[in-house]
Structures are given as structure tokens and as C-alpha cells.
């Protein structure tokens, strides 16, 4: 699907995840089992559709994906933004919340830059010739 235009990929993904089963080869909608189950569970056809995205396709932009999914009434959230917000919220008292905050703090842009810098420094130190002399 990566070679398809973003519009077709979004339509296919939307139908598969929010409407029903699709035929893998053609992306053609076979039934509306997802939509029907959501409506039965929620007791209404009036509900919000949210999608959390992580890594993006190399040619896609966040704005482009927001726009394309908005055409289908789906609100897009990006995991990096969620984690950044969690990292700023203070300390949670529950283990799951603490874990998420720790993970979030390690995945911010600043944290990634620091990890890259530390990795480069470690490689430089490893490549430096030793100044120690060993006596036998």
C-alpha cells in the first residue's frame, strides 16, 4: 500500500479500521462489521472516531494526514504529542502512569537529541587511542 497515493491509503485504512472488513487485494469493502459493532456497543451512531499514529510514511506530512482523515470524520492524534504532554503533567501515583511518563520523557525530541549526543561521545571515546602504557 505504500506506493498508493495518500488519499487511497487513508480511504482503505479508514474502511478497514472504522467501517468493516475489506478485501486485501483490492481494498474493496466487504461488510460493515466494525461500524455495526461500535454502534451496538455505544448504543448510538453518534460517536467520535480518533486514531493515534506513530511513525509516518516517508512521503506523508502530519497536516496532510489530518486533512485526509478529517474527510471521514476521524480526529488524528500523534503519539509523540501525547507522550510529550504526559511527560509535562507531573508525577503519577500509579505504576502505569509512572511508566508512561518515563517512556514519554525518553521519547521527546530533546531526549532523543541527548541520547544521540551521548552515543556519539561514547563512540569517540572508544576510537581514541589509549594513552596508558602497560608494563610487563
Protein backbone atom coordinates (compact mmCIF):
# COMPACT_ATOMS: atom_id res chain seq x y z
CA UNK A 1 0.00 0.00 0.00
CA UNK A 2 2.99 2.31 0.47
CA UNK A 3 3.12 3.11 -3.24
CA UNK A 4 -0.54 4.16 -3.38
CA UNK A 5 -1.41 7.88 -3.12
CA UNK A 6 -2.14 9.01 0.44
CA UNK A 7 -5.82 9.56 -0.37
CA UNK A 8 -6.30 5.91 -1.36
CA UNK A 9 -4.27 4.63 1.61
CA UNK A 10 -6.33 6.71 4.04
CA UNK A 11 -9.61 5.56 2.48
CA UNK A 12 -8.55 1.92 2.64
CA UNK A 13 -7.29 2.24 6.23
CA UNK A 14 -10.47 4.07 7.30
CA UNK A 15 -12.74 1.44 5.81
CA UNK A 16 -10.72 -1.43 7.29
CA UNK A 17 -10.44 0.01 10.84
CA UNK A 18 -13.62 2.07 11.20
CA UNK A 19 -16.21 0.52 8.87
CA UNK A 20 -15.65 -3.17 8.19
CA UNK A 21 -13.69 -5.90 6.54
CA UNK A 22 -12.04 -5.15 3.24
CA UNK A 23 -10.65 -7.42 0.57
CA UNK A 24 -6.87 -7.32 0.90
CA UNK A 25 -6.08 -7.44 -2.82
CA UNK A 26 -8.46 -4.68 -3.89
CA UNK A 27 -9.23 -2.79 -0.67
CA UNK A 28 -12.94 -3.20 -1.53
CA UNK A 29 -15.31 -3.01 1.43
CA UNK A 30 -16.92 -6.40 2.13
CA UNK A 31 -19.12 -5.58 5.12
CA UNK A 32 -19.72 -3.01 7.86
CA UNK A 33 -18.95 -5.19 10.88
CA UNK A 34 -16.75 -2.62 12.68
CA UNK A 35 -19.27 0.21 12.35
CA UNK A 36 -22.15 -2.06 13.40
CA UNK A 37 -20.28 -3.37 16.44
CA UNK A 38 -19.28 0.14 17.57
CA UNK A 39 -22.86 1.33 17.24
CA UNK A 40 -24.14 -1.69 19.21
CA UNK A 41 -21.55 -1.26 22.00
CA UNK A 42 -22.02 2.50 22.26
CA UNK A 43 -25.77 2.41 21.72
CA UNK A 44 -25.60 5.21 19.19
CA UNK A 45 -24.39 6.21 15.76
CA UNK A 46 -23.17 9.47 17.27
CA UNK A 47 -19.61 8.91 18.49
CA UNK A 48 -16.18 10.36 17.82
CA UNK A 49 -13.56 8.48 15.86
CA UNK A 50 -9.96 9.00 16.95
CA UNK A 51 -6.81 7.50 15.52
CA UNK A 52 -3.39 7.60 17.17
CA UNK A 53 -0.49 7.47 14.72
CA UNK A 54 3.17 6.76 15.37
CA UNK A 55 5.72 6.70 12.57
CA UNK A 56 4.53 8.23 9.32
CA UNK A 57 5.08 7.07 5.76
CA UNK A 58 8.13 8.85 4.37
CA UNK A 59 6.09 10.95 1.93
CA UNK A 60 3.24 11.91 4.32
CA UNK A 61 3.00 15.02 6.46
CA UNK A 62 1.03 15.40 9.68
CA UNK A 63 -1.16 18.12 8.14
CA UNK A 64 -1.86 16.00 5.08
CA UNK A 65 -2.95 13.03 7.22
CA UNK A 66 -5.09 15.22 9.47
CA UNK A 67 -6.82 16.64 6.39
CA UNK A 68 -7.37 13.28 4.68
CA UNK A 69 -8.77 11.57 7.80
CA UNK A 70 -10.91 14.63 8.59
CA UNK A 71 -12.75 13.90 5.34
CA UNK A 72 -14.00 10.72 7.06
CA UNK A 73 -14.71 12.38 10.43
CA UNK A 74 -11.63 10.92 12.14
CA UNK A 75 -9.58 13.01 14.55
CA UNK A 76 -5.84 12.29 14.28
CA UNK A 77 -3.53 12.31 17.29
CA UNK A 78 0.19 11.69 17.11
CA UNK A 79 1.84 9.54 19.77
CA UNK A 80 4.78 11.93 20.05
CA UNK A 81 2.40 14.74 21.05
CA UNK A 82 0.59 12.55 23.56
CA UNK A 83 3.85 11.42 25.14
CA UNK A 84 5.16 14.98 25.26
CA UNK A 85 2.01 16.08 27.09
CA UNK A 86 2.23 13.14 29.51
CA UNK A 87 5.86 14.00 30.27
CA UNK A 88 4.85 17.53 31.29
CA UNK A 89 1.97 16.55 33.59
CA UNK A 90 3.97 15.89 36.79
CA UNK A 91 4.35 12.62 38.66
CA UNK A 92 1.66 9.98 38.59
CA UNK A 93 0.99 7.86 41.67
CA UNK A 94 0.01 4.79 39.68
CA UNK A 95 2.64 2.43 38.19
CA UNK A 96 1.15 2.61 34.70
CA UNK A 97 1.15 6.40 34.77
CA UNK A 98 4.74 6.48 36.01
CA UNK A 99 5.79 4.09 33.26
CA UNK A 100 4.13 6.26 30.60
CA UNK A 101 5.78 9.38 32.00
CA UNK A 102 9.19 7.69 31.96
CA UNK A 103 8.66 6.50 28.41
CA UNK A 104 7.41 9.93 27.36
CA UNK A 105 10.42 11.67 28.84
CA UNK A 106 12.72 9.40 26.84
CA UNK A 107 10.91 9.99 23.56
CA UNK A 108 10.78 13.76 23.44
CA UNK A 109 12.89 15.48 20.78
CA UNK A 110 15.20 16.83 23.46
CA UNK A 111 15.71 13.38 24.98
CA UNK A 112 16.41 11.83 21.59
CA UNK A 113 18.99 14.55 20.83
CA UNK A 114 20.69 13.88 24.16
CA UNK A 115 20.78 10.14 23.51
CA UNK A 116 22.33 10.72 20.08
CA UNK A 117 24.91 13.07 21.58
CA UNK A 118 25.79 10.52 24.30
CA UNK A 119 26.10 7.79 21.67
CA UNK A 120 28.46 9.93 19.57
CA UNK A 121 30.56 10.80 22.63
CA UNK A 122 30.83 7.12 23.57
CA UNK A 123 31.92 6.17 20.05
CA UNK A 124 34.54 8.93 20.03
CA UNK A 125 35.92 7.75 23.38
CA UNK A 126 36.09 4.18 22.11
CA UNK A 127 38.00 5.22 18.97
CA UNK A 128 40.60 7.38 20.78
CA UNK A 129 43.97 5.70 21.14
CA UNK A 130 44.82 4.76 24.67
CA UNK A 131 47.46 6.86 26.41
CA UNK A 132 48.12 4.23 29.05
CA UNK A 133 51.33 2.21 28.89
CA UNK A 134 51.32 -1.30 30.21
CA UNK A 135 54.42 -2.61 31.98
CA UNK A 136 55.15 -6.32 31.74
